[in-house]
Amino acid sequence: MNPPDHLRPLQRLVHPAPRTPQLSAAPAAGPAATPAAELWLAIQLPQLPLDLATSGHAERKPCVLVEGSGARQRVTLVNSEAARLGIRAGMALGAAHALGEVTALQRMPAIEERALARLCAWAYQFTPVVNAVGPDGLLLEVRGSLALFGGLHGLLTTLRRGLRELGMRSFAFAAAPTPLAATWLARGRQPATVDSFAALPAALAVLPLDTLRLPVRQLQDFYGIGVHTIGECLRLPRDGLARRFAPDLLRDLDRALGREPDPRPAFTPPERFSQRLDLLWEIHHAQALTTGMERLLHELGGVLRARSAVIRSLCWTLHHRDGTTVPHRLSLVAPSRDVAHLARLTREHFARQRLPAPVRGFELEAADFEIQTAVDIEDLFCRGPRGESTDERWPQFVERLQARLGPDALKELAAMPDHRPERSMRMTPLGAAPAADTVDGTVRRRRPRPLWLTRQPLPLAEQNGRPALGGALTLGPERERVQGGWWEGADLARDYFVARDPRGTRWWVFRELEGRRGWYLHGVFE
């Protein structure tokens, strides 16, 4: 194919040398190979639309992404299940349907943009410098974070595990001193780590020009003069390249090589989490929801770690086929951001739920982030029967029981603002006890009261005007006078004493101030 007339002068300038072979990522030796101050890590997600569409399901089905309309619809992306049927990119949608049952999806830029923003919020836990590169990439400046993760290898291992937990099945990494170079290397599936500016030209030279995502007409013009790689493009005269093609391309090349600055907008993580996941096909059983729910919880966990925050509750909202929405709120005994624990609570809660109608989507909301300042301290529940360490502590154990048995299944003894002993304590749902006996946050001091009370006050015998229980009781010097109940028609007036029997046991007794004025036993201290 001969190039257009206005491009023939450039054709004579292209060196006839063969394409540069693939180079290793090792920087050249010498002073020029000093590591750059910044190291940008690019994450490329080539199948982001398909991964987003199927992230709510454990079951995998053949799915393809199509472009065009009507009979001109063509396949642009296929997942592994569709590829096993023989479906390939560029195939007509009708031909793909002939090979098997396949779900066709259209690209939705707005959803993909929001997904990249959520991934930025998740990636903020690894570095404070995060940037989205639409429509399918992220950039992280990681030079200052490498020591925290055991070097670049440890960081990549953590990122791979995290992306799989989010439902991303296809991704590529590359690292370079400039953000644009790292992005191009990741797009070109060059798993390189270029640590110096001196090694950048050789690493970029082997990349095909379509890595730059140039306009189709511009790409065809380059192909027409025999330019197929970035290295061949860099050998063209700068003036002719800028004049005959586009100044923007020359500026991008300079930024990729570190000759010009490439500032990136700062990303700020959200102060609350609210994310909805629409399902590609309906779910009829609550237990089948947990796959997608765990992926949203991993997103939430990343945001909480990025903000050094914890939460006290979260709310799941199910969107059913009939248009109804049903909220499910999970409250925590202690604030947490432990994804494994939150996922366990979610599974326990939905294991006892029956869906009134098939679910088409669900939403996770978590607000009121609290900054975590205290260091976790081990308690009696963090050791197993043989002294070994366990993952579950007392608050997590209580929350799991509540999720399994219901929020009202566990009770606790709560102090009430009432001086009458019979009414001063009551059983309440765990975590719902009111703050009693406090004034401006300070606990009021009382005279001694026992933890054990009798169901009803028991009459005591008297010896020489003193109460007797296995012998005369010796009364302590302090008394506590209790009067009240008139507002309920159950008025009482008593003087309480701490008494000792001949064996030294301490009892809690009182004498009526009205009526028979008898002595009664109401509690025991030991």
Protein backbone atom coordinates (compact mmCIF):
# COMPACT_ATOMS: atom_id res chain seq x y z
CA MET A 1 0.00 0.00 0.00
CA ASN A 2 1.54 3.33 -1.11
CA PRO A 3 1.28 6.30 1.29
CA PRO A 4 -0.47 9.54 0.34
CA ASP A 5 1.63 12.10 -1.52
CA HIS A 6 1.93 14.43 1.47
CA LEU A 7 3.46 11.63 3.57
CA ARG A 8 6.15 10.42 1.11
CA PRO A 9 8.86 12.78 2.45
CA LEU A 10 8.48 11.13 5.84
CA GLN A 11 8.78 7.67 4.30
CA ARG A 12 12.30 8.42 3.11
CA LEU A 13 13.27 9.38 6.67
CA VAL A 14 12.39 6.04 8.20
CA HIS A 15 15.48 3.88 8.81
CA PRO A 16 15.21 0.47 7.13
CA ALA A 17 16.52 -1.29 10.26
CA PRO A 18 14.30 -4.10 11.62
CA ARG A 19 12.11 -3.57 14.66
CA THR A 20 13.90 -3.42 17.97
CA PRO A 21 13.70 -6.80 19.76
CA GLN A 22 11.98 -7.06 23.13
CA LEU A 23 14.27 -5.80 25.87
CA SER A 24 14.54 -6.72 29.49
CA ALA A 25 13.41 -4.31 32.15
CA ALA A 26 16.87 -3.99 33.68
CA PRO A 27 18.20 -0.43 33.50
CA ALA A 28 21.45 0.30 31.71
CA ALA A 29 24.60 0.49 33.74
CA GLY A 30 26.30 3.76 34.57
CA PRO A 31 25.47 7.01 36.29
CA ALA A 32 22.56 7.74 33.93
CA ALA A 33 20.77 4.66 35.25
CA THR A 34 20.20 6.17 38.70
CA PRO A 35 16.67 5.22 39.91
CA ALA A 36 14.14 7.98 39.35
CA ALA A 37 12.56 9.78 42.29
CA GLU A 38 9.08 8.55 41.27
CA LEU A 39 7.92 5.11 40.26
CA TRP A 40 4.50 4.91 38.61
CA LEU A 41 2.65 1.60 38.61
CA ALA A 42 0.02 1.20 35.91
CA ILE A 43 -2.83 -1.30 36.27
CA GLN A 44 -4.52 -2.17 33.00
CA LEU A 45 -7.97 -3.82 33.08
CA PRO A 46 -8.65 -4.86 29.46
CA GLN A 47 -11.88 -6.71 30.26
CA LEU A 48 -13.28 -4.20 32.76
CA PRO A 49 -16.82 -4.04 31.20
CA LEU A 50 -17.24 -7.82 31.32
CA ASP A 51 -15.73 -8.14 34.79
CA LEU A 52 -18.11 -5.47 36.10
CA ALA A 53 -21.15 -7.15 34.55
CA THR A 54 -20.41 -10.57 36.05
CA SER A 55 -18.86 -9.57 39.41
CA GLY A 56 -22.10 -10.26 41.32
CA HIS A 57 -22.25 -13.95 40.35
CA ALA A 58 -20.33 -17.03 41.35
CA GLU A 59 -21.59 -18.80 38.23
CA ARG A 60 -19.71 -17.92 35.05
CA LYS A 61 -21.55 -17.76 31.71
CA PRO A 62 -20.35 -16.85 28.19
CA CYS A 63 -20.50 -13.06 27.79
CA VAL A 64 -19.33 -10.73 25.03
CA LEU A 65 -19.11 -6.98 24.59
CA VAL A 66 -20.51 -5.71 21.28
CA GLU A 67 -20.45 -2.45 19.35
CA GLY A 68 -22.71 -1.24 16.59
CA SER A 69 -26.41 -1.76 16.07
CA GLY A 70 -28.69 -4.18 14.28
CA ALA A 71 -27.05 -6.56 11.85
CA ARG A 72 -23.76 -4.64 12.11
CA GLN A 73 -23.11 -5.57 15.74
CA ARG A 74 -19.59 -6.89 16.19
CA VAL A 75 -17.91 -8.57 19.15
CA THR A 76 -15.12 -6.47 20.72
CA LEU A 77 -14.42 -8.40 23.96
CA VAL A 78 -15.02 -11.99 25.05
CA ASN A 79 -14.64 -13.66 28.43
CA SER A 80 -12.94 -17.02 28.86
CA GLU A 81 -16.25 -18.94 28.76
CA ALA A 82 -17.17 -17.36 25.43
CA ALA A 83 -13.67 -17.97 24.09
CA ARG A 84 -14.05 -21.69 24.81
CA LEU A 85 -17.07 -21.70 22.48
CA GLY A 86 -14.87 -20.39 19.68
CA ILE A 87 -16.11 -16.80 19.82
CA ARG A 88 -13.46 -14.23 18.91
CA ALA A 89 -13.22 -10.44 18.84
CA GLY A 90 -14.29 -9.01 15.48
CA MET A 91 -16.91 -11.73 14.91
CA ALA A 92 -20.45 -10.73 14.00
CA LEU A 93 -22.90 -11.12 16.88
CA GLY A 94 -25.10 -13.43 14.82
CA ALA A 95 -22.16 -15.77 14.25
CA ALA A 96 -21.40 -15.72 17.98
CA HIS A 97 -24.98 -16.74 18.80
CA ALA A 98 -24.65 -19.60 16.34
CA LEU A 99 -21.78 -21.04 18.40
CA GLY A 100 -23.75 -21.20 21.65
CA GLU A 101 -25.85 -19.35 24.19
CA VAL A 102 -24.09 -16.08 24.91
CA THR A 103 -25.02 -12.87 26.73
CA ALA A 104 -24.30 -9.72 24.69
CA LEU A 105 -23.50 -6.47 26.51
CA GLN A 106 -23.10 -2.90 25.31
CA ARG A 107 -20.36 -0.65 26.64
CA MET A 108 -21.68 1.81 29.24
CA PRO A 109 -19.07 4.57 29.71
CA ALA A 110 -20.79 6.17 32.73
CA ILE A 111 -20.79 2.89 34.68
CA GLU A 112 -17.16 2.21 33.76
CA GLU A 113 -16.14 5.71 34.87
CA ARG A 114 -17.82 5.23 38.25
CA ALA A 115 -16.18 1.83 38.59
CA LEU A 116 -12.74 3.37 38.00
CA ALA A 117 -13.47 5.98 40.66
CA ARG A 118 -14.36 3.21 43.11
CA LEU A 119 -11.17 1.35 42.22
CA CYS A 120 -9.20 4.53 42.89
CA ALA A 121 -10.81 4.74 46.33
CA TRP A 122 -9.87 1.10 46.93
CA ALA A 123 -6.28 1.61 45.69
CA TYR A 124 -5.83 4.65 47.95
CA GLN A 125 -4.90 2.22 50.74
CA PHE A 126 -1.60 1.52 48.93
CA THR A 127 -0.53 5.09 48.11
CA PRO A 128 -1.96 8.61 48.47
CA VAL A 129 -1.24 9.33 44.77
CA VAL A 130 -3.86 7.55 42.66
CA ASN A 131 -5.23 8.48 39.25
CA ALA A 132 -7.76 6.94 36.85
CA VAL A 133 -6.77 6.50 33.21
CA GLY A 134 -9.97 5.98 31.30
CA PRO A 135 -11.53 3.86 30.18
CA ASP A 136 -9.71 0.87 31.68
CA GLY A 137 -6.66 1.79 33.72
CA LEU A 138 -5.28 3.07 37.03
CA LEU A 139 -2.05 4.79 37.97
CA LEU A 140 -0.37 4.58 41.38
CA GLU A 141 2.82 6.39 42.42
CA VAL A 142 4.39 3.74 44.64
CA ARG A 143 8.01 4.75 45.29
CA GLY A 144 7.27 5.69 48.91
CA SER A 145 5.08 2.61 49.51
CA LEU A 146 7.45 -0.17 48.47
CA ALA A 147 9.03 -0.60 51.90
CA LEU A 148 5.59 -1.12 53.47
CA PHE A 149 4.83 -4.12 51.24
CA GLY A 150 8.23 -5.77 51.02
CA GLY A 151 9.22 -4.22 47.70
CA LEU A 152 7.50 -4.13 44.32
CA HIS A 153 7.02 -7.90 44.22
CA GLY A 154 5.15 -7.88 47.54
CA LEU A 155 3.01 -4.95 46.42
CA LEU A 156 2.09 -6.68 43.15
CA THR A 157 1.19 -9.86 45.02
CA THR A 158 -1.15 -7.88 47.29
CA LEU A 159 -2.69 -6.05 44.33
CA ARG A 160 -3.30 -9.27 42.39
CA ARG A 161 -5.07 -10.85 45.35
CA GLY A 162 -7.13 -7.72 45.96
CA LEU A 163 -8.21 -7.34 42.32
CA ARG A 164 -9.33 -10.96 42.20
CA GLU A 165 -11.36 -10.41 45.37
CA LEU A 166 -13.06 -7.50 43.60
CA GLY A 167 -14.03 -9.77 40.69
CA MET A 168 -11.37 -8.55 38.22
CA ARG A 169 -10.18 -11.54 36.20
CA SER A 170 -7.92 -9.87 33.65
CA PHE A 171 -5.27 -7.28 34.51
CA ALA A 172 -1.71 -6.30 33.65
CA PHE A 173 0.96 -4.30 35.51
CA ALA A 174 3.92 -2.19 34.45
CA ALA A 175 6.13 0.27 36.33
CA ALA A 176 8.10 3.23 34.97
CA PRO A 177 9.43 6.64 36.11
CA THR A 178 6.68 8.49 34.19
CA PRO A 179 2.91 7.82 34.33
CA LEU A 180 2.46 7.76 30.55
CA ALA A 181 5.31 5.28 30.00
CA ALA A 182 3.88 2.97 32.66
CA THR A 183 0.43 3.20 31.04
CA TRP A 184 1.76 2.34 27.57
CA LEU A 185 3.84 -0.56 28.87
CA ALA A 186 0.80 -2.02 30.67
CA ARG A 187 -1.38 -1.62 27.57
CA GLY A 188 1.26 -3.35 25.49
CA ARG A 189 1.29 -6.25 27.96
CA GLN A 190 4.98 -5.60 28.67
CA PRO A 191 5.40 -6.67 32.32
CA ALA A 192 8.39 -4.37 32.67
CA THR A 193 9.86 -2.54 35.63
CA VAL A 194 11.80 0.41 34.24
CA ASP A 195 13.51 2.13 37.14
CA SER A 196 15.45 4.90 35.38
CA PHE A 197 14.95 7.45 32.63
CA ALA A 198 17.95 6.04 30.77
CA ALA A 199 16.14 2.74 30.17
CA LEU A 200 12.86 4.29 29.00
CA PRO A 201 13.60 4.69 25.23
CA ALA A 202 14.62 1.05 24.80
CA ALA A 203 11.64 -0.22 26.83
CA LEU A 204 9.12 1.87 24.88
CA ALA A 205 10.69 1.26 21.45
CA VAL A 206 9.21 -2.23 21.05
CA LEU A 207 5.62 -1.17 21.75
CA PRO A 208 3.23 -1.09 18.76
CA LEU A 209 1.75 2.28 17.85
CA ASP A 210 -1.80 1.16 18.62
CA THR A 211 -0.71 1.21 22.29
CA LEU A 212 -0.95 5.01 22.07
CA ARG A 213 -4.65 4.76 21.06
CA LEU A 214 -4.27 7.27 18.26
CA PRO A 215 -7.18 8.20 15.98
CA VAL A 216 -7.74 5.58 13.27
CA ARG A 217 -6.85 7.96 10.41
CA GLN A 218 -3.59 8.97 12.08
CA LEU A 219 -2.69 5.36 12.76
CA GLN A 220 -3.32 4.43 9.12
CA ASP A 221 -1.08 7.28 7.98
CA PHE A 222 1.75 5.93 10.13
CA TYR A 223 1.25 2.43 8.79
CA GLY A 224 1.30 3.83 5.28
CA ILE A 225 4.87 5.07 5.70
CA GLY A 226 6.03 1.89 7.41
CA VAL A 227 5.96 3.12 11.02
CA HIS A 228 4.54 0.46 13.35
CA THR A 229 6.29 0.92 16.68
CA ILE A 230 7.08 3.75 19.08
CA GLY A 231 10.79 3.27 18.37
CA GLU A 232 10.25 3.85 14.65
CA CYS A 233 8.13 6.88 15.44
CA LEU A 234 10.88 8.35 17.66
CA ARG A 235 13.36 8.10 14.78
CA LEU A 236 11.29 10.52 12.69
CA PRO A 237 12.37 14.19 12.62
CA ARG A 238 10.64 16.10 15.40
CA ASP A 239 9.68 19.07 13.24
CA GLY A 240 8.18 16.93 10.51
CA LEU A 241 6.37 14.75 13.06
CA ALA A 242 4.77 17.76 14.74
CA ARG A 243 3.90 19.50 11.47
CA ARG A 244 2.50 16.58 9.48
CA PHE A 245 0.77 14.75 12.32
CA ALA A 246 -0.15 16.39 15.62
CA PRO A 247 1.74 18.42 18.22
CA ASP A 248 -0.14 16.49 20.92
CA LEU A 249 1.59 13.27 19.90
CA LEU A 250 5.03 14.85 20.20
CA ARG A 251 4.10 16.24 23.64
CA ASP A 252 2.91 12.81 24.78
CA LEU A 253 6.19 11.23 23.64
CA ASP A 254 8.18 13.85 25.57
CA ARG A 255 6.08 13.27 28.69
CA ALA A 256 6.52 9.51 28.42
CA LEU A 257 10.31 9.92 28.19
CA GLY A 258 10.43 12.38 31.09
CA ARG A 259 11.41 15.38 28.96
CA GLU A 260 8.30 17.31 30.00
CA PRO A 261 6.34 17.27 33.28
CA ASP A 262 3.13 15.25 33.38
CA PRO A 263 1.04 16.48 36.34
CA ARG A 264 -1.88 14.31 37.39
CA PRO A 265 -5.04 15.42 39.27
CA ALA A 266 -5.19 14.44 42.93
CA PHE A 267 -7.79 11.90 44.04
CA THR A 268 -9.70 12.33 47.29
CA PRO A 269 -11.31 9.21 48.83
CA PRO A 270 -15.03 9.45 49.73
CA GLU A 271 -16.26 10.07 53.27
CA ARG A 272 -19.05 7.49 52.96
CA PHE A 273 -19.55 4.31 50.98
CA SER A 274 -22.61 3.67 48.84
CA GLN A 275 -22.43 1.24 45.96
CA ARG A 276 -25.08 -0.67 44.01
CA LEU A 277 -24.42 -3.85 42.05
CA ASP A 278 -26.92 -4.78 39.34
CA LEU A 279 -27.03 -8.48 38.51
CA LEU A 280 -26.78 -9.83 34.99
CA TRP A 281 -29.32 -12.55 35.79
CA GLU A 282 -31.77 -12.96 38.68
CA ILE A 283 -30.91 -14.65 41.96
CA HIS A 284 -33.63 -16.66 43.72
CA HIS A 285 -31.83 -17.76 46.92
CA ALA A 286 -30.32 -15.44 49.50
CA GLN A 287 -27.20 -17.57 49.92
CA ALA A 288 -26.29 -16.99 46.24
CA LEU A 289 -26.00 -13.25 46.91
CA THR A 290 -22.89 -13.60 49.05
CA THR A 291 -20.41 -13.74 46.12
CA GLY A 292 -21.28 -10.25 44.92
CA MET A 293 -21.72 -8.99 48.46
CA GLU A 294 -18.22 -10.05 49.44
CA ARG A 295 -16.82 -8.15 46.46
CA LEU A 296 -18.55 -4.98 47.61
CA LEU A 297 -17.24 -5.59 51.12
CA HIS A 298 -13.69 -5.80 49.75
CA GLU A 299 -14.25 -2.41 48.11
CA LEU A 300 -15.52 -1.05 51.42
CA GLY A 301 -12.54 -2.52 53.27
CA GLY A 302 -10.12 -0.77 50.92
CA VAL A 303 -11.85 2.58 51.44
CA LEU A 304 -11.80 2.14 55.22
CA ARG A 305 -8.11 1.21 55.25
CA ALA A 306 -7.35 4.20 53.02
CA ARG A 307 -9.04 6.53 55.50
CA SER A 308 -7.80 4.67 58.62
CA ALA A 309 -11.46 4.41 59.58
CA VAL A 310 -13.89 1.89 61.07
CA ILE A 311 -17.68 1.54 60.99
CA ARG A 312 -20.33 0.55 63.54
CA SER A 313 -23.02 -0.62 61.11
CA LEU A 314 -23.72 -1.31 57.47
CA CYS A 315 -26.91 -1.65 55.48
CA TRP A 316 -27.69 -4.03 52.62
CA THR A 317 -30.66 -3.11 50.41
CA LEU A 318 -32.06 -5.78 48.09
CA HIS A 319 -33.75 -4.67 44.87
CA HIS A 320 -36.33 -7.27 43.84
CA ARG A 321 -37.84 -8.02 40.46
CA ASP A 322 -41.25 -6.68 41.50
CA GLY A 323 -39.74 -3.26 42.24
CA THR A 324 -39.69 -3.58 46.03
CA THR A 325 -36.61 -2.82 48.11
CA VAL A 326 -35.86 -4.51 51.44
CA PRO A 327 -33.16 -3.08 53.77
CA HIS A 328 -31.10 -5.35 56.02
CA ARG A 329 -29.10 -3.46 58.66
CA LEU A 330 -26.23 -5.12 60.49
CA SER A 331 -25.02 -3.43 63.69
CA LEU A 332 -21.62 -4.12 65.23
CA VAL A 333 -20.86 -4.47 68.92
CA ALA A 334 -17.43 -2.92 68.35
CA PRO A 335 -16.33 -0.73 65.41
CA SER A 336 -14.47 -2.70 62.75
CA ARG A 337 -13.16 -2.74 59.20
CA ASP A 338 -12.29 -6.46 59.09
CA VAL A 339 -13.61 -7.61 55.70
CA ALA A 340 -13.51 -11.31 56.62
CA HIS A 341 -15.58 -10.64 59.73
CA LEU A 342 -18.10 -8.43 57.88
CA ALA A 343 -18.44 -11.10 55.19
CA ARG A 344 -19.03 -13.76 57.88
CA LEU A 345 -21.76 -11.62 59.46
CA THR A 346 -23.38 -11.09 56.06
CA ARG A 347 -23.39 -14.82 55.31
CA GLU A 348 -24.85 -15.65 58.73
CA HIS A 349 -27.57 -13.02 58.34
CA PHE A 350 -28.70 -14.02 54.87
CA ALA A 351 -28.47 -17.75 55.62
CA ARG A 352 -31.74 -17.41 57.59
CA GLN A 353 -33.49 -15.12 55.07
CA ARG A 354 -36.09 -16.14 52.51
CA LEU A 355 -36.39 -13.87 49.48
CA PRO A 356 -39.95 -12.64 48.84
CA ALA A 357 -39.08 -12.21 45.13
CA PRO A 358 -36.04 -12.75 42.87
CA VAL A 359 -33.26 -10.19 43.32
CA ARG A 360 -32.11 -8.01 40.42
CA GLY A 361 -29.50 -6.06 42.37
CA PHE A 362 -28.34 -5.00 45.80
CA GLU A 363 -26.71 -2.01 47.43
CA LEU A 364 -24.24 -1.58 50.28
CA GLU A 365 -24.19 1.60 52.35
CA ALA A 366 -21.82 2.51 55.17
CA ALA A 367 -21.59 6.00 56.60
CA ASP A 368 -20.37 7.71 59.77
CA PHE A 369 -16.76 6.62 59.36
CA GLU A 370 -14.83 6.79 62.63
CA ILE A 371 -11.09 7.38 62.62
CA GLN A 372 -9.38 4.47 64.36
CA THR A 373 -6.87 5.73 66.89
CA ALA A 374 -6.70 2.96 69.51
CA VAL A 375 -4.49 -0.08 69.09
CA ASP A 376 -6.21 -3.45 69.30
CA ILE A 377 -5.62 -5.15 72.67
CA GLU A 378 -5.98 -8.90 73.09
CA ASP A 379 -8.75 -10.18 75.34
CA LEU A 380 -9.68 -13.56 76.78
CA PHE A 381 -11.39 -14.58 73.54
CA CYS A 382 -8.33 -14.15 71.32
CA ARG A 383 -6.78 -17.44 72.48
CA GLY A 384 -7.93 -20.93 71.71
CA PRO A 385 -8.26 -23.79 74.25
CA ARG A 386 -4.56 -24.66 73.81
CA GLY A 387 -3.40 -21.04 73.93
CA GLU A 388 -3.15 -20.67 70.17
CA SER A 389 -4.12 -17.35 68.55
CA THR A 390 -7.60 -17.12 67.01
CA ASP A 391 -9.07 -14.59 64.58
CA GLU A 392 -12.32 -14.11 66.49
CA ARG A 393 -12.57 -11.96 69.60
CA TRP A 394 -15.44 -11.30 71.95
CA PRO A 395 -17.18 -8.51 69.92
CA GLN A 396 -16.87 -10.52 66.68
CA PHE A 397 -18.21 -13.63 68.41
CA VAL A 398 -21.24 -11.70 69.72
CA GLU A 399 -21.89 -10.11 66.31
CA ARG A 400 -21.78 -13.49 64.59
CA LEU A 401 -24.30 -14.95 67.06
CA GLN A 402 -26.59 -11.96 66.49
CA ALA A 403 -26.33 -12.37 62.73
CA ARG A 404 -27.16 -16.07 63.00
CA LEU A 405 -29.88 -15.95 65.70
CA GLY A 406 -31.29 -12.46 65.26
CA PRO A 407 -30.53 -9.14 66.99
CA ASP A 408 -32.88 -9.88 69.93
CA ALA A 409 -31.48 -13.33 70.71
CA LEU A 410 -28.69 -12.07 72.98
CA LYS A 411 -29.42 -10.01 76.08
CA GLU A 412 -27.33 -8.08 78.57
CA LEU A 413 -27.94 -6.73 82.05
CA ALA A 414 -28.34 -2.97 81.84
CA ALA A 415 -28.45 -0.40 84.63
CA MET A 416 -31.62 1.71 84.70
CA PRO A 417 -32.15 5.21 86.17
CA ASP A 418 -34.22 3.93 89.11
CA HIS A 419 -33.12 3.74 92.78
CA ARG A 420 -35.41 0.79 93.60
CA PRO A 421 -33.27 -2.36 93.49
CA GLU A 422 -36.02 -4.38 91.76
CA ARG A 423 -36.13 -1.82 88.95
CA SER A 424 -32.50 -0.72 88.78
CA MET A 425 -31.47 -3.49 86.34
CA ARG A 426 -33.18 -5.12 83.39
CA MET A 427 -32.36 -7.35 80.45
CA THR A 428 -31.98 -5.50 77.13
CA PRO A 429 -30.83 -6.49 73.61
CA LEU A 430 -27.05 -6.55 73.50
CA GLY A 431 -25.63 -3.16 72.62
CA ALA A 432 -28.90 -1.31 73.26
CA ALA A 433 -28.38 -0.55 76.96
CA PRO A 434 -29.12 3.09 77.87
CA ALA A 435 -26.46 5.17 79.57
CA ALA A 436 -27.74 5.23 83.15
CA ASP A 437 -26.37 6.51 86.44
CA THR A 438 -24.22 9.15 84.77
CA VAL A 439 -24.15 12.90 85.05
CA ASP A 440 -22.04 14.71 82.44
CA GLY A 441 -20.27 11.43 81.69
CA THR A 442 -19.26 10.81 85.34
CA VAL A 443 -20.59 7.71 87.12
CA ARG A 444 -22.36 8.50 90.38
CA ARG A 445 -20.91 6.85 93.43
CA ARG A 446 -23.36 4.61 95.38
CA ARG A 447 -23.20 2.72 98.60
CA PRO A 448 -22.30 -0.94 98.14
CA ARG A 449 -24.91 -3.10 96.41
CA PRO A 450 -24.65 -6.82 95.72
CA LEU A 451 -24.74 -8.37 92.27
CA TRP A 452 -27.08 -11.14 93.47
CA LEU A 453 -30.66 -10.23 94.51
CA THR A 454 -33.40 -12.56 95.66
CA ARG A 455 -36.46 -12.79 93.40
CA GLN A 456 -38.57 -11.34 96.23
CA PRO A 457 -37.47 -9.86 99.57
CA LEU A 458 -37.42 -12.67 102.15
CA PRO A 459 -38.73 -11.95 105.70
CA LEU A 460 -36.13 -12.36 108.45
CA ALA A 461 -36.58 -13.28 112.12
CA GLU A 462 -35.61 -10.78 114.80
CA GLN A 463 -33.43 -11.17 117.88
CA ASN A 464 -33.38 -8.25 120.28
CA GLY A 465 -34.61 -5.93 117.50
CA ARG A 466 -31.94 -7.04 115.06
CA PRO A 467 -32.38 -9.28 111.99
CA ALA A 468 -31.29 -12.88 112.40
CA LEU A 469 -30.13 -15.44 109.85
CA GLY A 470 -28.45 -18.46 111.46
CA GLY A 471 -27.81 -16.15 114.37
CA ALA A 472 -28.05 -12.43 114.96
CA LEU A 473 -26.68 -10.31 112.13
CA THR A 474 -24.22 -7.48 112.75
CA LEU A 475 -25.27 -4.34 110.87
CA GLY A 476 -22.70 -2.09 109.23
CA PRO A 477 -22.55 1.62 110.06
CA GLU A 478 -23.78 2.86 106.67
CA ARG A 479 -27.35 2.81 105.52
CA GLU A 480 -28.98 3.55 102.15
CA ARG A 481 -32.49 4.94 102.22
CA VAL A 482 -34.65 4.13 99.17
CA GLN A 483 -38.03 5.74 98.59
CA GLY A 484 -40.10 5.86 95.41
CA GLY A 485 -42.63 4.15 93.22
CA TRP A 486 -45.50 6.45 94.09
CA TRP A 487 -45.94 7.28 90.38
CA GLU A 488 -46.73 3.61 89.71
CA GLY A 489 -48.92 3.06 92.78
CA ALA A 490 -46.20 0.90 94.37
CA ASP A 491 -44.70 3.26 96.94
CA LEU A 492 -41.93 1.90 99.13
CA ALA A 493 -39.64 3.27 101.85
CA ARG A 494 -36.68 1.22 103.11
CA ASP A 495 -33.36 1.51 104.92
CA TYR A 496 -30.74 -0.89 103.51
CA PHE A 497 -27.74 -2.20 105.49
CA VAL A 498 -24.77 -4.43 104.84
CA ALA A 499 -24.96 -7.18 107.52
CA ARG A 500 -22.62 -10.00 108.55
CA ASP A 501 -23.58 -13.34 110.01
CA PRO A 502 -21.45 -15.25 112.57
CA ARG A 503 -19.58 -17.03 109.72
CA GLY A 504 -18.59 -13.73 108.08
CA THR A 505 -20.95 -13.85 105.08
CA ARG A 506 -22.15 -10.43 103.96
CA TRP A 507 -25.89 -10.00 103.33
CA TRP A 508 -27.91 -7.09 102.06
CA VAL A 509 -30.92 -6.47 104.29
CA PHE A 510 -33.44 -3.71 104.73
CA ARG A 511 -36.05 -2.56 107.25
CA GLU A 512 -39.38 -1.13 106.24
CA LEU A 513 -39.97 2.47 107.28
CA GLU A 514 -43.74 2.11 107.13
CA GLY A 515 -46.30 -0.56 107.92
CA ARG A 516 -45.07 -3.61 109.83
CA ARG A 517 -41.48 -2.24 109.86
CA GLY A 518 -40.07 -5.74 109.49
CA TRP A 519 -36.62 -6.89 108.36
CA TYR A 520 -36.03 -8.53 104.96
CA LEU A 521 -33.19 -10.20 103.10
CA HIS A 522 -32.73 -8.84 99.57
CA GLY A 523 -29.23 -9.89 98.39
CA VAL A 524 -25.88 -11.54 99.07
CA PHE A 525 -22.39 -10.21 98.39
CA GLU A 526 -20.49 -13.52 98.39
